[in-house]
Amino acid sequence: MVTIGYSALGVSLPLFVAHRTGLFEDHGLRVQMRGYPTAHPLVEDIIDEGVPCGGFVAFPIALHRHARSRALHYACAVAEDMNNPISFLLVRKGSGIRSIEDLVGRRVGVLPTKAYREWLKVLLARAELGYHQVKLDKTCKCMETCAASKFSIERMVHIHDVLPHETAAALRSGRIDAIFTNDPGVTDAVRSGVADILGDRPILPSLLGSPFLFGSFVFDSDFVADRPDEARRIVAALDDGVRFCQQDPAEARRMAATYLPPSCADLREGLGRPVFLTSREVDAARLQATMDLLADGGMIGGRMEIGPWVMGTDTPLPPRSAPRTARRPRPDHAELVASCG
């Protein structure tokens, strides 16, 4: 039995499909799924708590721990381009926000992951606005505060963490005036009539290049070293899941409902349109260029060569990574934590 973690987001569709349609069983695997509201706690548990693998994970989340703790392996990919957005900046109806500059002094929500915080910082900085995380916790220790910013206090935007299932309610109540996030929160908020999409161009491809490689499925390097055959069979099942998503994206979005928070589980008309790549379709040179871009922007822990850690169904594997650090004690972890609670 292999435990596979998943982030309860629209970018995880191939994993949902692989589980829902029995693709793992087709490749001789017995798996149990463990849900997480975002990829950030998923990666924390892969590094610190022995979860073997999971996805899909935005690259800044995985690479931050890869550089500081222990290497991970990367398989398949999810991307967005000018015609297939993943990330959206939503504004509350009636807020009067018509441009990025109008966010100064406002309360802006963000999907609580290192990736979305870093990307939002870049977006705001382009408009000479400062990023101030209102509440710092263990997942955002590396974020700038007002005191560390090059922008004056008058140019600050006040950032609040908002989980996907909270998106519509947070906008409706006025807790936040805008939010930078993805599906399922985006579709739920717009469908509920509480939010509009700001701008007419996908944000990350516009900022960082199109197509933009968003993230991938990740493996603990110890698991890959100890159980390489199972790891490769997981990749094979995911490749099949990606091909399903490429051929019938509407049906893949319908299948996602089982894995998403109940209040925002309906992605049949989802606004996000991620592009999924099989392990063979991931171009190593393009992936390295993305890593360099993230490193140059200070979004990950320095430059790294990603090639040795990109995994396919027949890729020779590198040596075992550094020894695992001692795990911290923790309470029992529910098998599924992606519900609304």
C-alpha atoms as a PDB file:
ATOM      1  CA  MET A   1       0.000   0.000   0.000  1.00  0.00           C
ATOM      2  CA  VAL A   2       1.312   3.430  -0.972  1.00  0.00           C
ATOM      3  CA  THR A   3      -0.049   6.654   0.531  1.00  0.00           C
ATOM      4  CA  ILE A   4      -0.373   9.394  -2.075  1.00  0.00           C
ATOM      5  CA  GLY A   5      -1.062  12.917  -0.914  1.00  0.00           C
ATOM      6  CA  TYR A   6      -3.079  15.325  -3.012  1.00  0.00           C
ATOM      7  CA  SER A   7      -3.687  19.039  -2.964  1.00  0.00           C
ATOM      8  CA  ALA A   8      -7.433  19.619  -3.234  1.00  0.00           C
ATOM      9  CA  LEU A   9      -7.088  22.003  -6.162  1.00  0.00           C
ATOM     10  CA  GLY A  10      -7.914  21.943  -9.848  1.00  0.00           C
ATOM     11  CA  VAL A  11      -4.260  21.479 -10.769  1.00  0.00           C
ATOM     12  CA  SER A  12      -4.411  17.923  -9.365  1.00  0.00           C
ATOM     13  CA  LEU A  13      -6.849  16.564 -11.967  1.00  0.00           C
ATOM     14  CA  PRO A  14      -4.559  13.800 -13.370  1.00  0.00           C
ATOM     15  CA  LEU A  15      -4.115  12.372  -9.890  1.00  0.00           C
ATOM     16  CA  PHE A  16      -7.874  12.416  -9.263  1.00  0.00           C
ATOM     17  CA  VAL A  17      -8.466  10.681 -12.598  1.00  0.00           C
ATOM     18  CA  ALA A  18      -5.798   8.044 -11.942  1.00  0.00           C
ATOM     19  CA  HIS A  19      -7.388   7.178  -8.610  1.00  0.00           C
ATOM     20  CA  ARG A  20     -11.028   7.455  -9.668  1.00  0.00           C
ATOM     21  CA  THR A  21     -10.681   5.330 -12.831  1.00  0.00           C
ATOM     22  CA  GLY A  22      -8.484   2.597 -11.354  1.00  0.00           C
ATOM     23  CA  LEU A  23      -5.320   3.502 -13.253  1.00  0.00           C
ATOM     24  CA  PHE A  24      -3.144   2.781 -10.220  1.00  0.00           C
ATOM     25  CA  GLU A  25      -4.633  -0.707  -9.955  1.00  0.00           C
ATOM     26  CA  ASP A  26      -4.050  -1.186 -13.674  1.00  0.00           C
ATOM     27  CA  HIS A  27      -0.337  -0.678 -12.966  1.00  0.00           C
ATOM     28  CA  GLY A  28      -0.328  -3.142 -10.075  1.00  0.00           C
ATOM     29  CA  LEU A  29      -0.488  -0.585  -7.266  1.00  0.00           C
ATOM     30  CA  ARG A  30      -2.570  -0.391  -4.094  1.00  0.00           C
ATOM     31  CA  VAL A  31      -2.869   3.224  -2.985  1.00  0.00           C
ATOM     32  CA  GLN A  32      -4.635   5.249  -0.349  1.00  0.00           C
ATOM     33  CA  MET A  33      -5.243   8.941  -0.903  1.00  0.00           C
ATOM     34  CA  ARG A  34      -4.595  11.619   1.727  1.00  0.00           C
ATOM     35  CA  GLY A  35      -6.049  15.063   1.079  1.00  0.00           C
ATOM     36  CA  TYR A  36      -4.567  18.474   1.861  1.00  0.00           C
ATOM     37  CA  PRO A  37      -6.250  21.869   1.327  1.00  0.00           C
ATOM     38  CA  THR A  38      -3.181  23.149  -0.551  1.00  0.00           C
ATOM     39  CA  ALA A  39       0.170  21.738  -1.624  1.00  0.00           C
ATOM     40  CA  HIS A  40       2.102  23.514   1.132  1.00  0.00           C
ATOM     41  CA  PRO A  41       1.220  21.131   4.018  1.00  0.00           C
ATOM     42  CA  LEU A  42       1.499  18.241   1.557  1.00  0.00           C
ATOM     43  CA  VAL A  43       5.162  19.028   0.872  1.00  0.00           C
ATOM     44  CA  GLU A  44       5.790  19.556   4.581  1.00  0.00           C
ATOM     45  CA  ASP A  45       4.518  16.016   5.231  1.00  0.00           C
ATOM     46  CA  ILE A  46       6.565  14.547   2.381  1.00  0.00           C
ATOM     47  CA  ILE A  47       9.735  16.083   3.810  1.00  0.00           C
ATOM     48  CA  ASP A  48       9.040  15.706   7.533  1.00  0.00           C
ATOM     49  CA  GLU A  49       6.421  13.015   8.059  1.00  0.00           C
ATOM     50  CA  GLY A  50       7.179  10.183   5.651  1.00  0.00           C
ATOM     51  CA  VAL A  51       4.419  10.667   3.063  1.00  0.00           C
ATOM     52  CA  PRO A  52       5.988   9.057  -0.032  1.00  0.00           C
ATOM     53  CA  CYS A  53       4.656  11.303  -2.773  1.00  0.00           C
ATOM     54  CA  GLY A  54       1.901  13.650  -3.835  1.00  0.00           C
ATOM     55  CA  GLY A  55       0.716  16.414  -6.087  1.00  0.00           C
ATOM     56  CA  PHE A  56       0.262  18.497  -7.837  1.00  0.00           C
ATOM     57  CA  VAL A  57       2.694  21.003  -6.286  1.00  0.00           C
ATOM     58  CA  ALA A  58       3.708  24.470  -7.491  1.00  0.00           C
ATOM     59  CA  PHE A  59       7.469  24.571  -7.992  1.00  0.00           C
ATOM     60  CA  PRO A  60       8.332  27.289  -5.424  1.00  0.00           C
ATOM     61  CA  ILE A  61       6.774  25.171  -2.662  1.00  0.00           C
ATOM     62  CA  ALA A  62       8.712  22.013  -3.490  1.00  0.00           C
ATOM     63  CA  LEU A  63      11.999  23.688  -4.421  1.00  0.00           C
ATOM     64  CA  HIS A  64      12.125  25.736  -1.226  1.00  0.00           C
ATOM     65  CA  ARG A  65      12.249  22.503   0.795  1.00  0.00           C
ATOM     66  CA  HIS A  66      14.339  20.707  -1.852  1.00  0.00           C
ATOM     67  CA  ALA A  67      17.089  23.293  -1.439  1.00  0.00           C
ATOM     68  CA  ARG A  68      16.943  23.469   2.363  1.00  0.00           C
ATOM     69  CA  SER A  69      16.027  19.970   3.536  1.00  0.00           C
ATOM     70  CA  ARG A  70      16.240  17.082   1.093  1.00  0.00           C
ATOM     71  CA  ALA A  71      15.944  16.629  -2.642  1.00  0.00           C
ATOM     72  CA  LEU A  72      12.660  15.612  -4.235  1.00  0.00           C
ATOM     73  CA  HIS A  73      11.904  13.958  -7.571  1.00  0.00           C
ATOM     74  CA  TYR A  74       9.557  15.590 -10.097  1.00  0.00           C
ATOM     75  CA  ALA A  75       7.244  13.850 -12.578  1.00  0.00           C
ATOM     76  CA  CYS A  76       4.756  15.140 -15.166  1.00  0.00           C
ATOM     77  CA  ALA A  77       3.848  18.834 -15.113  1.00  0.00           C
ATOM     78  CA  VAL A  78       1.027  21.332 -15.088  1.00  0.00           C
ATOM     79  CA  ALA A  79       1.353  24.582 -17.021  1.00  0.00           C
ATOM     80  CA  GLU A  80      -0.637  27.641 -17.991  1.00  0.00           C
ATOM     81  CA  ASP A  81      -0.427  29.876 -21.027  1.00  0.00           C
ATOM     82  CA  MET A  82      -2.223  32.874 -22.492  1.00  0.00           C
ATOM     83  CA  ASN A  83      -5.199  30.719 -23.504  1.00  0.00           C
ATOM     84  CA  ASN A  84      -5.255  28.342 -20.532  1.00  0.00           C
ATOM     85  CA  PRO A  85      -5.119  30.197 -17.197  1.00  0.00           C
ATOM     86  CA  ILE A  86      -4.707  28.655 -13.765  1.00  0.00           C
ATOM     87  CA  SER A  87      -4.325  31.684 -11.491  1.00  0.00           C
ATOM     88  CA  PHE A  88      -6.699  34.653 -11.211  1.00  0.00           C
ATOM     89  CA  LEU A  89      -6.900  37.942  -9.353  1.00  0.00           C
ATOM     90  CA  LEU A  90     -10.509  38.355  -8.250  1.00  0.00           C
ATOM     91  CA  VAL A  91     -12.031  41.588  -6.938  1.00  0.00           C
ATOM     92  CA  ARG A  92     -15.139  41.891  -4.797  1.00  0.00           C
ATOM     93  CA  LYS A  93     -18.121  43.281  -6.654  1.00  0.00           C
ATOM     94  CA  GLY A  94     -18.629  46.890  -5.619  1.00  0.00           C
ATOM     95  CA  SER A  95     -15.073  47.258  -4.307  1.00  0.00           C
ATOM     96  CA  GLY A  96     -14.175  49.918  -6.881  1.00  0.00           C
ATOM     97  CA  ILE A  97     -10.932  48.104  -7.723  1.00  0.00           C
ATOM     98  CA  ARG A  98     -10.160  48.503 -11.428  1.00  0.00           C
ATOM     99  CA  SER A  99      -6.373  48.147 -11.502  1.00  0.00           C
ATOM    100  CA  ILE A 100      -3.459  46.715  -9.516  1.00  0.00           C
ATOM    101  CA  GLU A 101      -2.692  50.242  -8.265  1.00  0.00           C
ATOM    102  CA  ASP A 102      -6.141  50.359  -6.652  1.00  0.00           C
ATOM    103  CA  LEU A 103      -5.046  47.586  -4.255  1.00  0.00           C
ATOM    104  CA  VAL A 104      -2.932  49.973  -2.155  1.00  0.00           C
ATOM    105  CA  GLY A 105      -4.174  49.942   1.433  1.00  0.00           C
ATOM    106  CA  ARG A 106      -6.649  47.157   0.663  1.00  0.00           C
ATOM    107  CA  ARG A 107      -7.106  43.720   2.209  1.00  0.00           C
ATOM    108  CA  VAL A 108      -6.060  41.148  -0.366  1.00  0.00           C
ATOM    109  CA  GLY A 109      -6.413  37.403   0.050  1.00  0.00           C
ATOM    110  CA  VAL A 110      -3.898  34.864  -1.175  1.00  0.00           C
ATOM    111  CA  LEU A 111      -3.904  31.084  -1.441  1.00  0.00           C
ATOM    112  CA  PRO A 112      -1.709  30.226   1.598  1.00  0.00           C
ATOM    113  CA  THR A 113       1.325  28.733  -0.098  1.00  0.00           C
ATOM    114  CA  LYS A 114       4.835  29.989  -0.707  1.00  0.00           C
ATOM    115  CA  ALA A 115       4.168  29.952  -4.451  1.00  0.00           C
ATOM    116  CA  TYR A 116       1.168  32.257  -4.427  1.00  0.00           C
ATOM    117  CA  ARG A 117       2.713  34.580  -1.867  1.00  0.00           C
ATOM    118  CA  GLU A 118       5.884  34.920  -3.930  1.00  0.00           C
ATOM    119  CA  TRP A 119       3.994  35.393  -7.198  1.00  0.00           C
ATOM    120  CA  LEU A 120       1.722  38.010  -5.618  1.00  0.00           C
ATOM    121  CA  LYS A 121       4.795  39.885  -4.377  1.00  0.00           C
ATOM    122  CA  VAL A 122       6.102  40.013  -7.942  1.00  0.00           C
ATOM    123  CA  LEU A 123       2.743  41.214  -9.274  1.00  0.00           C
ATOM    124  CA  LEU A 124       2.498  43.979  -6.675  1.00  0.00           C
ATOM    125  CA  ALA A 125       6.122  45.051  -7.072  1.00  0.00           C
ATOM    126  CA  ARG A 126       5.540  45.668 -10.789  1.00  0.00           C
ATOM    127  CA  ALA A 127       3.072  48.359  -9.682  1.00  0.00           C
ATOM    128  CA  GLU A 128       5.482  49.579  -6.958  1.00  0.00           C
ATOM    129  CA  LEU A 129       3.265  48.225  -4.202  1.00  0.00           C
ATOM    130  CA  GLY A 130       4.588  46.553  -1.071  1.00  0.00           C
ATOM    131  CA  TYR A 131       3.511  43.161   0.259  1.00  0.00           C
ATOM    132  CA  HIS A 132       2.673  42.894   3.968  1.00  0.00           C
ATOM    133  CA  GLN A 133       1.604  39.466   5.256  1.00  0.00           C
ATOM    134  CA  VAL A 134      -0.785  40.338   8.065  1.00  0.00           C
ATOM    135  CA  LYS A 135      -0.202  37.095   9.981  1.00  0.00           C
ATOM    136  CA  LEU A 136       3.131  35.286   9.762  1.00  0.00           C
ATOM    137  CA  ASP A 137       3.104  31.548  10.405  1.00  0.00           C
ATOM    138  CA  LYS A 138       5.531  28.682   9.788  1.00  0.00           C
ATOM    139  CA  THR A 139       4.605  28.482   6.120  1.00  0.00           C
ATOM    140  CA  CYS A 140       5.583  32.090   5.391  1.00  0.00           C
ATOM    141  CA  LYS A 141       8.606  32.798   7.603  1.00  0.00           C
ATOM    142  CA  CYS A 142      10.576  33.897   4.566  1.00  0.00           C
ATOM    143  CA  MET A 143       8.087  36.553   3.485  1.00  0.00           C
ATOM    144  CA  GLU A 144       8.833  40.271   3.612  1.00  0.00           C
ATOM    145  CA  THR A 145       7.115  42.422   6.221  1.00  0.00           C
ATOM    146  CA  CYS A 146       6.541  46.160   6.062  1.00  0.00           C
ATOM    147  CA  ALA A 147       9.847  46.828   7.803  1.00  0.00           C
ATOM    148  CA  ALA A 148      11.791  44.804   5.230  1.00  0.00           C
ATOM    149  CA  SER A 149      10.123  46.264   2.171  1.00  0.00           C
ATOM    150  CA  LYS A 150      11.644  48.884  -0.118  1.00  0.00           C
ATOM    151  CA  PHE A 151       8.203  50.445  -0.493  1.00  0.00           C
ATOM    152  CA  SER A 152       6.761  53.025   1.893  1.00  0.00           C
ATOM    153  CA  ILE A 153       3.967  52.194   4.322  1.00  0.00           C
ATOM    154  CA  GLU A 154       1.622  54.241   2.151  1.00  0.00           C
ATOM    155  CA  ARG A 155       2.199  51.775  -0.708  1.00  0.00           C
ATOM    156  CA  MET A 156       1.461  48.610   1.276  1.00  0.00           C
ATOM    157  CA  VAL A 157      -1.106  45.960   0.458  1.00  0.00           C
ATOM    158  CA  HIS A 158      -2.333  43.956   3.448  1.00  0.00           C
ATOM    159  CA  ILE A 159      -2.277  40.229   2.661  1.00  0.00           C
ATOM    160  CA  HIS A 160      -4.532  37.648   4.328  1.00  0.00           C
ATOM    161  CA  ASP A 161      -4.409  33.867   3.876  1.00  0.00           C
ATOM    162  CA  VAL A 162      -7.642  32.464   2.447  1.00  0.00           C
ATOM    163  CA  LEU A 163      -8.245  28.772   1.758  1.00  0.00           C
ATOM    164  CA  PRO A 164     -10.196  27.734  -1.346  1.00  0.00           C
ATOM    165  CA  HIS A 165     -13.436  26.927   0.466  1.00  0.00           C
ATOM    166  CA  GLU A 166     -13.304  30.326   2.228  1.00  0.00           C
ATOM    167  CA  THR A 167     -12.912  32.385  -0.960  1.00  0.00           C
ATOM    168  CA  ALA A 168     -16.513  33.281  -1.752  1.00  0.00           C
ATOM    169  CA  ALA A 169     -17.456  33.895   1.878  1.00  0.00           C
ATOM    170  CA  ALA A 170     -14.394  36.069   2.533  1.00  0.00           C
ATOM    171  CA  LEU A 171     -15.238  38.269  -0.457  1.00  0.00           C
ATOM    172  CA  ARG A 172     -18.950  38.386   0.313  1.00  0.00           C
ATOM    173  CA  SER A 173     -18.392  39.485   3.927  1.00  0.00           C
ATOM    174  CA  GLY A 174     -15.842  42.171   3.032  1.00  0.00           C
ATOM    175  CA  ARG A 175     -13.103  40.402   4.977  1.00  0.00           C
ATOM    176  CA  ILE A 176     -11.024  40.858   1.817  1.00  0.00           C
ATOM    177  CA  ASP A 177     -11.413  43.169  -1.178  1.00  0.00           C
ATOM    178  CA  ALA A 178      -9.563  40.965  -3.669  1.00  0.00           C
ATOM    179  CA  ILE A 179      -7.804  37.608  -3.846  1.00  0.00           C
ATOM    180  CA  PHE A 180      -5.063  35.896  -5.864  1.00  0.00           C
ATOM    181  CA  THR A 181      -5.868  32.202  -6.062  1.00  0.00           C
ATOM    182  CA  ASN A 182      -6.943  29.329  -8.314  1.00  0.00           C
ATOM    183  CA  ASP A 183      -9.680  26.714  -8.650  1.00  0.00           C
ATOM    184  CA  PRO A 184     -11.857  25.588  -6.995  1.00  0.00           C
ATOM    185  CA  GLY A 185     -12.097  28.903  -5.111  1.00  0.00           C
ATOM    186  CA  VAL A 186     -12.070  31.034  -8.269  1.00  0.00           C
ATOM    187  CA  THR A 187     -14.949  29.313 -10.011  1.00  0.00           C
ATOM    188  CA  ASP A 188     -17.026  29.192  -6.822  1.00  0.00           C
ATOM    189  CA  ALA A 189     -16.586  32.927  -6.112  1.00  0.00           C
ATOM    190  CA  VAL A 190     -17.366  34.049  -9.661  1.00  0.00           C
ATOM    191  CA  ARG A 191     -20.265  31.606  -9.994  1.00  0.00           C
ATOM    192  CA  SER A 192     -21.658  32.861  -6.670  1.00  0.00           C
ATOM    193  CA  GLY A 193     -21.790  36.397  -8.053  1.00  0.00           C
ATOM    194  CA  VAL A 194     -19.514  37.936  -5.413  1.00  0.00           C
ATOM    195  CA  ALA A 195     -16.413  38.498  -7.550  1.00  0.00           C
ATOM    196  CA  ASP A 196     -15.170  39.609 -10.937  1.00  0.00           C
ATOM    197  CA  ILE A 197     -11.898  38.693 -12.632  1.00  0.00           C
ATOM    198  CA  LEU A 198      -9.494  41.642 -12.786  1.00  0.00           C
ATOM    199  CA  GLY A 199      -7.839  42.027 -16.162  1.00  0.00           C
ATOM    200  CA  ASP A 200      -8.207  40.166 -19.415  1.00  0.00           C
ATOM    201  CA  ARG A 201      -4.826  38.398 -19.558  1.00  0.00           C
ATOM    202  CA  PRO A 202      -3.652  35.422 -17.473  1.00  0.00           C
ATOM    203  CA  ILE A 203      -1.420  36.807 -14.736  1.00  0.00           C
ATOM    204  CA  LEU A 204       1.500  34.392 -14.453  1.00  0.00           C
ATOM    205  CA  PRO A 205       2.065  33.845 -18.188  1.00  0.00           C
ATOM    206  CA  SER A 206       1.961  37.636 -18.598  1.00  0.00           C
ATOM    207  CA  LEU A 207       4.450  38.160 -15.760  1.00  0.00           C
ATOM    208  CA  LEU A 208       6.771  35.203 -16.118  1.00  0.00           C
ATOM    209  CA  GLY A 209       6.409  33.983 -19.686  1.00  0.00           C
ATOM    210  CA  SER A 210       4.053  31.794 -21.680  1.00  0.00           C
ATOM    211  CA  PRO A 211       3.786  28.901 -21.357  1.00  0.00           C
ATOM    212  CA  PHE A 212       4.552  29.012 -17.647  1.00  0.00           C
ATOM    213  CA  LEU A 213       5.452  25.722 -15.956  1.00  0.00           C
ATOM    214  CA  PHE A 214       3.430  25.883 -12.748  1.00  0.00           C
ATOM    215  CA  GLY A 215       4.336  22.659 -10.937  1.00  0.00           C
ATOM    216  CA  SER A 216       4.471  18.874 -10.935  1.00  0.00           C
ATOM    217  CA  PHE A 217       3.918  15.689  -8.980  1.00  0.00           C
ATOM    218  CA  VAL A 218       6.680  15.138  -6.394  1.00  0.00           C
ATOM    219  CA  PHE A 219       8.310  12.114  -4.766  1.00  0.00           C
ATOM    220  CA  ASP A 220      10.323  11.783  -1.589  1.00  0.00           C
ATOM    221  CA  SER A 221      13.842  10.825  -2.659  1.00  0.00           C
ATOM    222  CA  ASP A 222      14.076   8.110   0.013  1.00  0.00           C
ATOM    223  CA  PHE A 223      10.924   6.460  -1.344  1.00  0.00           C
ATOM    224  CA  VAL A 224      12.321   6.526  -4.885  1.00  0.00           C
ATOM    225  CA  ALA A 225      15.624   5.037  -3.718  1.00  0.00           C
ATOM    226  CA  ASP A 226      13.966   2.310  -1.642  1.00  0.00           C
ATOM    227  CA  ARG A 227      11.038   1.455  -3.948  1.00  0.00           C
ATOM    228  CA  PRO A 228      11.982   2.566  -7.475  1.00  0.00           C
ATOM    229  CA  ASP A 229       9.684   0.136  -9.273  1.00  0.00           C
ATOM    230  CA  GLU A 230       6.610   1.400  -7.422  1.00  0.00           C
ATOM    231  CA  ALA A 231       7.674   4.989  -8.063  1.00  0.00           C
ATOM    232  CA  ARG A 232       7.941   4.368 -11.796  1.00  0.00           C
ATOM    233  CA  ARG A 233       4.559   2.636 -11.851  1.00  0.00           C
ATOM    234  CA  ILE A 234       3.017   5.652 -10.138  1.00  0.00           C
ATOM    235  CA  VAL A 235       4.488   7.834 -12.886  1.00  0.00           C
ATOM    236  CA  ALA A 236       3.041   5.496 -15.528  1.00  0.00           C
ATOM    237  CA  ALA A 237      -0.426   5.764 -13.962  1.00  0.00           C
ATOM    238  CA  LEU A 238      -0.127   9.544 -13.783  1.00  0.00           C
ATOM    239  CA  ASP A 239       0.901   9.651 -17.444  1.00  0.00           C
ATOM    240  CA  ASP A 240      -2.307   7.783 -18.254  1.00  0.00           C
ATOM    241  CA  GLY A 241      -4.224  10.268 -16.093  1.00  0.00           C
ATOM    242  CA  VAL A 242      -2.656  13.184 -17.951  1.00  0.00           C
ATOM    243  CA  ARG A 243      -3.634  11.682 -21.291  1.00  0.00           C
ATOM    244  CA  PHE A 244      -7.217  11.316 -20.037  1.00  0.00           C
ATOM    245  CA  CYS A 245      -7.231  15.007 -19.031  1.00  0.00           C
ATOM    246  CA  GLN A 246      -5.869  15.993 -22.425  1.00  0.00           C
ATOM    247  CA  GLN A 247      -8.545  13.983 -24.258  1.00  0.00           C
ATOM    248  CA  ASP A 248     -11.587  14.692 -22.049  1.00  0.00           C
ATOM    249  CA  PRO A 249     -10.966  17.677 -19.750  1.00  0.00           C
ATOM    250  CA  ALA A 250     -14.673  18.148 -19.004  1.00  0.00           C
ATOM    251  CA  GLU A 251     -14.998  14.606 -17.640  1.00  0.00           C
ATOM    252  CA  ALA A 252     -11.783  15.027 -15.628  1.00  0.00           C
ATOM    253  CA  ARG A 253     -13.195  18.177 -14.007  1.00  0.00           C
ATOM    254  CA  ARG A 254     -16.410  16.320 -13.201  1.00  0.00           C
ATOM    255  CA  MET A 255     -14.425  13.575 -11.450  1.00  0.00           C
ATOM    256  CA  ALA A 256     -12.699  16.138  -9.229  1.00  0.00           C
ATOM    257  CA  ALA A 257     -15.806  16.650  -7.077  1.00  0.00           C
ATOM    258  CA  THR A 258     -14.988  13.670  -4.834  1.00  0.00           C
ATOM    259  CA  TYR A 259     -11.654  15.223  -3.837  1.00  0.00           C
ATOM    260  CA  LEU A 260     -12.582  18.910  -3.410  1.00  0.00           C
ATOM    261  CA  PRO A 261     -14.254  20.741  -0.512  1.00  0.00           C
ATOM    262  CA  PRO A 262     -18.020  20.140  -0.793  1.00  0.00           C
ATOM    263  CA  SER A 263     -18.950  23.836  -0.963  1.00  0.00           C
ATOM    264  CA  CYS A 264     -16.828  24.415  -4.086  1.00  0.00           C
ATOM    265  CA  ALA A 265     -16.495  20.952  -5.613  1.00  0.00           C
ATOM    266  CA  ASP A 266     -18.298  21.594  -8.888  1.00  0.00           C
ATOM    267  CA  LEU A 267     -15.669  22.304 -11.552  1.00  0.00           C
ATOM    268  CA  ARG A 268     -17.729  21.190 -14.545  1.00  0.00           C
ATOM    269  CA  GLU A 269     -17.607  24.776 -15.852  1.00  0.00           C
ATOM    270  CA  GLY A 270     -14.366  25.618 -14.080  1.00  0.00           C
ATOM    271  CA  LEU A 271     -12.626  28.841 -15.083  1.00  0.00           C
ATOM    272  CA  GLY A 272      -9.175  27.320 -14.651  1.00  0.00           C
ATOM    273  CA  ARG A 273      -7.907  25.470 -17.706  1.00  0.00           C
ATOM    274  CA  PRO A 274      -4.563  23.932 -16.727  1.00  0.00           C
ATOM    275  CA  VAL A 275      -2.424  22.234 -19.357  1.00  0.00           C
ATOM    276  CA  PHE A 276      -1.057  18.854 -18.252  1.00  0.00           C
ATOM    277  CA  LEU A 277       2.104  17.199 -19.570  1.00  0.00           C
ATOM    278  CA  THR A 278       3.096  13.554 -19.321  1.00  0.00           C
ATOM    279  CA  SER A 279       6.536  12.689 -17.990  1.00  0.00           C
ATOM    280  CA  ARG A 280       7.782  12.278 -21.573  1.00  0.00           C
ATOM    281  CA  GLU A 281       6.373  15.655 -22.615  1.00  0.00           C
ATOM    282  CA  VAL A 282       8.261  17.602 -19.954  1.00  0.00           C
ATOM    283  CA  ASP A 283      11.109  19.404 -21.693  1.00  0.00           C
ATOM    284  CA  ALA A 284      14.146  19.451 -19.398  1.00  0.00           C
ATOM    285  CA  ALA A 285      15.587  22.637 -20.932  1.00  0.00           C
ATOM    286  CA  ARG A 286      12.328  24.525 -20.519  1.00  0.00           C
ATOM    287  CA  LEU A 287      11.990  23.214 -16.972  1.00  0.00           C
ATOM    288  CA  GLN A 288      15.531  24.374 -16.157  1.00  0.00           C
ATOM    289  CA  ALA A 289      14.722  27.816 -17.572  1.00  0.00           C
ATOM    290  CA  THR A 290      11.745  27.984 -15.204  1.00  0.00           C
ATOM    291  CA  MET A 291      13.964  27.034 -12.260  1.00  0.00           C
ATOM    292  CA  ASP A 292      16.446  29.765 -13.224  1.00  0.00           C
ATOM    293  CA  LEU A 293      13.641  32.300 -13.496  1.00  0.00           C
ATOM    294  CA  LEU A 294      12.328  31.420 -10.037  1.00  0.00           C
ATOM    295  CA  ALA A 295      15.849  31.529  -8.578  1.00  0.00           C
ATOM    296  CA  ASP A 296      16.613  34.914 -10.155  1.00  0.00           C
ATOM    297  CA  GLY A 297      13.387  36.253  -8.659  1.00  0.00           C
ATOM    298  CA  GLY A 298      14.321  35.045  -5.164  1.00  0.00           C
ATOM    299  CA  MET A 299      11.321  32.695  -5.080  1.00  0.00           C
ATOM    300  CA  ILE A 300      13.285  29.515  -4.247  1.00  0.00           C
ATOM    301  CA  GLY A 301      16.411  28.706  -2.272  1.00  0.00           C
ATOM    302  CA  GLY A 302      18.967  29.578  -4.922  1.00  0.00           C
ATOM    303  CA  ARG A 303      19.942  28.067  -8.262  1.00  0.00           C
ATOM    304  CA  MET A 304      19.773  24.331  -8.756  1.00  0.00           C
ATOM    305  CA  GLU A 305      20.172  21.816 -11.543  1.00  0.00           C
ATOM    306  CA  ILE A 306      16.764  20.199 -11.926  1.00  0.00           C
ATOM    307  CA  GLY A 307      17.666  17.622 -14.603  1.00  0.00           C
ATOM    308  CA  PRO A 308      18.886  14.837 -12.279  1.00  0.00           C
ATOM    309  CA  TRP A 309      15.633  14.994 -10.328  1.00  0.00           C
ATOM    310  CA  VAL A 310      13.168  14.849 -13.223  1.00  0.00           C
ATOM    311  CA  MET A 311      11.582  11.427 -13.261  1.00  0.00           C
ATOM    312  CA  GLY A 312       9.987   9.320 -15.995  1.00  0.00           C
ATOM    313  CA  THR A 313       8.952   5.718 -16.281  1.00  0.00           C
ATOM    314  CA  ASP A 314      12.411   4.652 -17.450  1.00  0.00           C
ATOM    315  CA  THR A 315      14.721   7.391 -16.156  1.00  0.00           C
ATOM    316  CA  PRO A 316      17.955   6.278 -14.403  1.00  0.00           C
ATOM    317  CA  LEU A 317      17.714   7.495 -10.836  1.00  0.00           C
ATOM    318  CA  PRO A 318      20.357   9.489  -8.932  1.00  0.00           C
ATOM    319  CA  PRO A 319      21.815   8.344  -5.611  1.00  0.00           C
ATOM    320  CA  ARG A 320      19.847   8.598  -2.399  1.00  0.00           C
ATOM    321  CA  SER A 321      19.521  12.131  -1.083  1.00  0.00           C
ATOM    322  CA  ALA A 322      20.856  13.362   2.246  1.00  0.00           C
ATOM    323  CA  PRO A 323      19.765  11.443   5.366  1.00  0.00           C
ATOM    324  CA  ARG A 324      16.281  12.156   6.628  1.00  0.00           C
ATOM    325  CA  THR A 325      16.097  14.556   9.555  1.00  0.00           C
ATOM    326  CA  ALA A 326      14.347  13.463  12.734  1.00  0.00           C
ATOM    327  CA  ARG A 327      10.585  13.773  12.510  1.00  0.00           C
ATOM    328  CA  ARG A 328       8.769  15.971  14.970  1.00  0.00           C
ATOM    329  CA  PRO A 329       5.981  14.453  17.076  1.00  0.00           C
ATOM    330  CA  ARG A 330       2.496  15.372  15.941  1.00  0.00           C
ATOM    331  CA  PRO A 331      -1.137  14.443  16.570  1.00  0.00           C
ATOM    332  CA  ASP A 332      -2.838  11.875  14.384  1.00  0.00           C
ATOM    333  CA  HIS A 333      -3.310  13.144  10.839  1.00  0.00           C
ATOM    334  CA  ALA A 334      -6.779  12.536   9.434  1.00  0.00           C
ATOM    335  CA  GLU A 335      -6.722  10.655   6.164  1.00  0.00           C
ATOM    336  CA  LEU A 336      -8.673  13.458   4.523  1.00  0.00           C
ATOM    337  CA  VAL A 337      -8.117  17.091   5.512  1.00  0.00           C
ATOM    338  CA  ALA A 338      -9.381  18.770   2.383  1.00  0.00           C
ATOM    339  CA  SER A 339     -12.967  19.137   3.579  1.00  0.00           C
ATOM    340  CA  CYS A 340     -14.475  22.435   4.650  1.00  0.00           C
ATOM    341  CA  GLY A 341     -14.366  21.401   8.293  1.00  0.00           C
END
